[in-house]
Amino acid sequence: MSVVTIVTAATLVLFGVFGGSIGPQATAEIIIALLGLVALTSMLERESRLAQTDSKIDRVQAAVDEVRVLLNDSQGTTLFPNDKLPHTDTLLEGVSEIFVARAHSFNILTRDPDRWKAWLRSGKSIKVIVQNPWNKGLRHLAIPAYAYNYEIYRRNTEAVIAELGALNAVGSGMEIRLSNTCPTQGVVIVDGQNGGRCMIVALYVPGCGSANRPTMMLNRERDQELFALFYEKYYVNLWNESKPLASVQAES
């Protein structure tokens, strides 16, 4: 009901009750009082609506905060395409060691060799585990990679080892080991010497190209159990089980 309607109705009631015996001044005062009452009522209603709106906003904000927490908690274990990885600069900020265990693709190291040579000259280190290309089992075991072919795979892996060898010549901070274990994940760990800070786990899926390969970004603090599992199996166990490149080459 509008203010005008209320005032008009009240005025008609007054005149009906008092039969027009009220003077003009008293009538004006009564109307002013009624307007004040209506204004007060309107203000109270508005404040009530604002309070309800604030309450709704608080509920919405609480829901948003809950979703944000859920997203943050699950971000590390959410699978996303390999080509959506954070930029290397973001991963390596303040880092003194990078550990990479993959099959034969080491783009993170080979696409910018000058960067990694400078990295090694600054006293930082790189630890690498590569699939042993001279492992005879590769002739009979199809690695879960896109369009696997043994001869192509072997040649590509040998080429990668040669590229990594160029980095190895820069300084003592580069360690290359070869593994006979069939890789099912590609793992990158930063600052593994201190227990690891974060890691990238790329899952090798048969018939899946590298750009669409499902990948996990794990954080040691957030993803404690999963992080500890991959850290132990790769940084500790697989590293200790793998052989230094020079030793394998001497045997081949």
Protein backbone atom coordinates (compact mmCIF):
# COMPACT_ATOMS: atom_id res chain seq x y z
CA MET A 1 0.00 0.00 0.00
CA SER A 2 1.40 3.42 -0.99
CA VAL A 3 2.03 6.34 1.36
CA VAL A 4 -0.61 8.49 -0.39
CA THR A 5 -3.23 5.76 0.02
CA ILE A 6 -2.48 5.40 3.74
CA VAL A 7 -2.61 9.15 4.39
CA THR A 8 -5.82 9.58 2.37
CA ALA A 9 -7.52 6.70 4.18
CA ALA A 10 -6.42 8.01 7.56
CA THR A 11 -7.71 11.52 6.72
CA LEU A 12 -11.09 10.17 5.63
CA VAL A 13 -11.35 8.18 8.83
CA LEU A 14 -10.55 11.23 10.93
CA PHE A 15 -13.11 13.36 9.19
CA GLY A 16 -15.64 10.53 9.49
CA VAL A 17 -15.02 10.21 13.21
CA PHE A 18 -14.88 13.89 14.08
CA GLY A 19 -17.33 15.07 11.47
CA GLY A 20 -15.09 17.83 10.20
CA SER A 21 -14.87 19.44 13.66
CA ILE A 22 -11.11 19.37 13.61
CA GLY A 23 -9.47 22.66 12.65
CA PRO A 24 -7.16 23.07 9.67
CA GLN A 25 -4.04 23.35 11.87
CA ALA A 26 -4.88 20.22 13.84
CA THR A 27 -5.65 18.38 10.62
CA ALA A 28 -2.26 19.39 9.18
CA GLU A 29 -0.48 18.26 12.34
CA ILE A 30 -2.28 14.93 12.24
CA ILE A 31 -1.38 14.42 8.58
CA ILE A 32 2.27 15.31 9.31
CA ALA A 33 2.27 12.83 12.18
CA LEU A 34 0.80 10.17 9.93
CA LEU A 35 3.43 10.90 7.27
CA GLY A 36 6.12 10.55 9.91
CA LEU A 37 4.65 7.27 11.05
CA VAL A 38 4.49 6.01 7.47
CA ALA A 39 8.09 7.12 6.86
CA LEU A 40 9.24 5.34 10.01
CA THR A 41 7.37 2.19 9.01
CA SER A 42 8.88 2.35 5.51
CA MET A 43 12.38 2.78 6.93
CA LEU A 44 11.92 -0.16 9.28
CA GLU A 45 10.67 -2.33 6.42
CA ARG A 46 13.62 -1.28 4.28
CA GLU A 47 16.09 -2.11 7.05
CA SER A 48 14.38 -5.46 7.47
CA ARG A 49 14.74 -6.17 3.76
CA LEU A 50 18.38 -5.06 3.87
CA ALA A 51 18.99 -7.37 6.83
CA GLN A 52 17.43 -10.23 4.89
CA THR A 53 19.58 -9.35 1.86
CA ASP A 54 22.70 -9.24 4.03
CA SER A 55 21.77 -12.62 5.43
CA LYS A 56 21.38 -14.03 1.92
CA ILE A 57 24.70 -12.49 0.87
CA ASP A 58 26.35 -14.08 3.91
CA ARG A 59 24.90 -17.46 2.97
CA VAL A 60 26.04 -17.08 -0.63
CA GLN A 61 29.53 -16.02 0.51
CA ALA A 62 29.70 -19.02 2.83
CA ALA A 63 28.76 -21.29 -0.08
CA VAL A 64 31.40 -19.64 -2.30
CA ASP A 65 34.03 -20.05 0.42
CA GLU A 66 33.09 -23.71 0.78
CA VAL A 67 33.44 -24.26 -2.98
CA ARG A 68 36.76 -22.42 -2.96
CA VAL A 69 38.06 -24.67 -0.19
CA LEU A 70 36.92 -27.76 -2.07
CA LEU A 71 38.62 -26.54 -5.25
CA ASN A 72 41.83 -25.76 -3.41
CA ASP A 73 41.80 -29.11 -1.65
CA SER A 74 41.25 -31.03 -4.89
CA GLN A 75 43.35 -28.90 -7.23
CA GLY A 76 46.40 -31.08 -6.85
CA THR A 77 44.61 -34.30 -7.73
CA THR A 78 42.42 -32.92 -10.49
CA LEU A 79 43.42 -34.28 -13.89
CA PHE A 80 44.03 -31.74 -16.61
CA PRO A 81 45.63 -31.84 -20.08
CA ASN A 82 49.41 -31.89 -20.21
CA ASP A 83 49.49 -28.73 -22.32
CA LYS A 84 47.83 -26.76 -19.49
CA LEU A 85 50.76 -27.15 -17.12
CA PRO A 86 52.02 -24.09 -15.25
CA HIS A 87 54.93 -22.30 -16.90
CA THR A 88 58.34 -23.68 -15.98
CA ASP A 89 59.36 -20.35 -14.42
CA THR A 90 56.52 -20.68 -11.93
CA LEU A 91 57.59 -24.18 -10.91
CA LEU A 92 61.28 -23.36 -10.54
CA GLU A 93 61.07 -20.12 -8.58
CA GLY A 94 63.46 -20.47 -5.64
CA VAL A 95 64.31 -24.08 -6.53
CA SER A 96 67.84 -25.56 -6.48
CA GLU A 97 67.14 -29.05 -7.85
CA ILE A 98 64.83 -30.59 -10.44
CA PHE A 99 64.21 -34.32 -10.74
CA VAL A 100 62.75 -35.72 -13.97
CA ALA A 101 61.78 -39.36 -14.55
CA ARG A 102 60.18 -39.99 -17.92
CA ALA A 103 60.17 -42.44 -20.80
CA HIS A 104 61.99 -40.60 -23.55
CA SER A 105 60.43 -37.13 -23.89
CA PHE A 106 62.34 -34.52 -21.90
CA ASN A 107 61.13 -31.30 -23.49
CA ILE A 108 61.25 -29.52 -20.15
CA LEU A 109 65.06 -29.89 -20.32
CA THR A 110 65.93 -30.16 -24.00
CA ARG A 111 63.92 -27.30 -25.53
CA ASP A 112 66.01 -24.64 -23.75
CA PRO A 113 69.50 -26.07 -23.16
CA ASP A 114 71.13 -22.68 -22.55
CA ARG A 115 68.80 -22.08 -19.65
CA TRP A 116 69.75 -25.37 -18.02
CA LYS A 117 73.45 -24.88 -18.67
CA ALA A 118 73.22 -21.59 -16.79
CA TRP A 119 71.23 -23.42 -14.11
CA LEU A 120 74.03 -25.96 -13.66
CA ARG A 121 76.79 -23.34 -13.74
CA SER A 122 75.04 -21.53 -10.89
CA GLY A 123 75.55 -24.59 -8.69
CA LYS A 124 72.06 -26.05 -9.01
CA SER A 125 71.41 -29.67 -9.90
CA ILE A 126 69.40 -31.89 -12.25
CA LYS A 127 68.60 -35.56 -11.65
CA VAL A 128 67.22 -37.52 -14.60
CA ILE A 129 65.93 -41.07 -15.06
CA VAL A 130 65.52 -42.14 -18.71
CA GLN A 131 64.11 -45.38 -20.09
CA ASN A 132 67.04 -47.59 -21.08
CA PRO A 133 66.79 -47.71 -24.90
CA TRP A 134 69.05 -50.77 -25.07
CA ASN A 135 66.81 -52.85 -22.86
CA LYS A 136 65.89 -55.87 -25.03
CA GLY A 137 62.54 -56.15 -23.31
CA LEU A 138 61.38 -53.06 -25.22
CA ARG A 139 61.19 -55.21 -28.35
CA HIS A 140 58.41 -57.27 -26.82
CA LEU A 141 56.68 -54.85 -24.47
CA ALA A 142 54.55 -52.09 -25.92
CA ILE A 143 54.97 -49.01 -23.73
CA PRO A 144 51.68 -47.19 -23.05
CA ALA A 145 52.48 -44.28 -25.33
CA TYR A 146 51.04 -42.86 -28.53
CA ALA A 147 51.73 -45.04 -31.63
CA TYR A 148 54.54 -47.03 -29.98
CA ASN A 149 57.19 -48.44 -32.30
CA TYR A 150 60.34 -49.96 -30.83
CA GLU A 151 62.84 -48.72 -33.43
CA ILE A 152 61.46 -45.18 -33.41
CA TYR A 153 61.25 -45.21 -29.62
CA ARG A 154 64.85 -46.41 -29.28
CA ARG A 155 66.21 -43.81 -31.71
CA ASN A 156 64.26 -41.01 -30.04
CA THR A 157 65.48 -42.07 -26.61
CA GLU A 158 69.08 -42.25 -27.79
CA ALA A 159 68.74 -38.74 -29.24
CA VAL A 160 67.38 -37.45 -25.93
CA ILE A 161 70.24 -39.08 -24.03
CA ALA A 162 72.70 -37.33 -26.35
CA GLU A 163 71.00 -33.97 -25.68
CA LEU A 164 71.04 -34.57 -21.96
CA GLY A 165 74.68 -35.60 -22.25
CA ALA A 166 75.49 -32.12 -23.53
CA LEU A 167 74.11 -30.74 -20.30
CA ASN A 168 76.02 -33.38 -18.38
CA ALA A 169 79.26 -31.98 -19.78
CA VAL A 170 78.59 -28.59 -18.18
CA GLY A 171 79.18 -29.56 -14.58
CA SER A 172 78.88 -32.09 -11.80
CA GLY A 173 75.32 -31.07 -10.95
CA MET A 174 73.85 -33.21 -13.76
CA GLU A 175 73.14 -36.88 -13.02
CA ILE A 176 71.65 -39.25 -15.62
CA ARG A 177 70.46 -42.73 -14.83
CA LEU A 178 68.75 -45.36 -16.99
CA SER A 179 65.92 -47.60 -15.92
CA ASN A 180 64.62 -50.91 -17.29
CA THR A 181 61.27 -50.35 -15.62
CA CYS A 182 58.41 -49.75 -18.03
CA PRO A 183 57.24 -46.21 -17.30
CA THR A 184 53.56 -45.67 -16.60
CA GLN A 185 53.97 -42.08 -15.42
CA GLY A 186 56.27 -39.20 -16.10
CA VAL A 187 57.29 -37.48 -12.87
CA VAL A 188 58.89 -34.09 -12.22
CA ILE A 189 59.83 -33.21 -8.63
CA VAL A 190 61.26 -29.88 -7.54
CA ASP A 191 63.63 -29.67 -4.57
CA GLY A 192 63.50 -33.41 -3.99
CA GLN A 193 66.68 -33.23 -1.95
CA ASN A 194 64.63 -31.45 0.73
CA GLY A 195 61.70 -33.84 0.57
CA GLY A 196 60.12 -32.20 -2.47
CA ARG A 197 57.95 -29.12 -2.68
CA CYS A 198 55.64 -29.97 -5.56
CA MET A 199 55.53 -32.46 -8.41
CA ILE A 200 53.94 -33.06 -11.80
CA VAL A 201 52.70 -36.57 -12.57
CA ALA A 202 51.82 -37.22 -16.23
CA LEU A 203 49.92 -40.46 -16.81
CA TYR A 204 50.90 -42.49 -19.88
CA VAL A 205 47.67 -43.66 -21.47
CA PRO A 206 47.73 -45.98 -24.53
CA GLY A 207 46.87 -44.09 -27.69
CA CYS A 208 46.90 -40.71 -25.94
CA GLY A 209 49.06 -37.93 -27.39
CA SER A 210 51.28 -35.90 -25.07
CA ALA A 211 49.19 -32.71 -25.32
CA ASN A 212 46.07 -34.48 -24.02
CA ARG A 213 47.82 -36.70 -21.52
CA PRO A 214 46.07 -36.49 -18.12
CA THR A 215 48.32 -34.82 -15.60
CA MET A 216 48.29 -34.15 -11.87
CA MET A 217 49.91 -31.27 -10.02
CA LEU A 218 50.70 -32.37 -6.46
CA ASN A 219 51.69 -30.27 -3.48
CA ARG A 220 53.51 -31.86 -0.55
CA GLU A 221 51.53 -30.00 2.10
CA ARG A 222 48.13 -30.44 0.49
CA ASP A 223 48.43 -33.92 -1.07
CA GLN A 224 50.50 -35.57 1.62
CA GLU A 225 49.73 -39.26 1.06
CA LEU A 226 49.77 -39.22 -2.73
CA PHE A 227 52.84 -37.00 -2.79
CA ALA A 228 54.69 -39.30 -0.40
CA LEU A 229 53.80 -42.33 -2.53
CA PHE A 230 55.22 -40.95 -5.78
CA TYR A 231 58.21 -39.42 -3.99
CA GLU A 232 59.20 -42.75 -2.43
CA LYS A 233 58.61 -44.82 -5.56
CA TYR A 234 60.41 -42.47 -7.95
CA TYR A 235 62.82 -40.16 -6.17
CA VAL A 236 64.01 -42.82 -3.74
CA ASN A 237 63.36 -46.35 -5.02
CA LEU A 238 63.53 -45.96 -8.80
CA TRP A 239 66.55 -43.69 -8.53
CA ASN A 240 68.43 -46.22 -6.41
CA GLU A 241 67.44 -49.09 -8.71
CA SER A 242 68.50 -47.28 -11.90
CA LYS A 243 72.04 -47.40 -13.24
CA PRO A 244 74.30 -44.45 -14.12
CA LEU A 245 74.39 -43.72 -17.85
CA ALA A 246 78.13 -44.35 -18.16
CA SER A 247 77.75 -47.77 -16.53
CA VAL A 248 74.97 -48.85 -18.90
CA GLN A 249 76.85 -47.59 -21.95
CA ALA A 250 79.93 -49.54 -20.89
CA GLU A 251 77.85 -52.72 -20.68
CA SER A 252 76.09 -52.24 -24.04
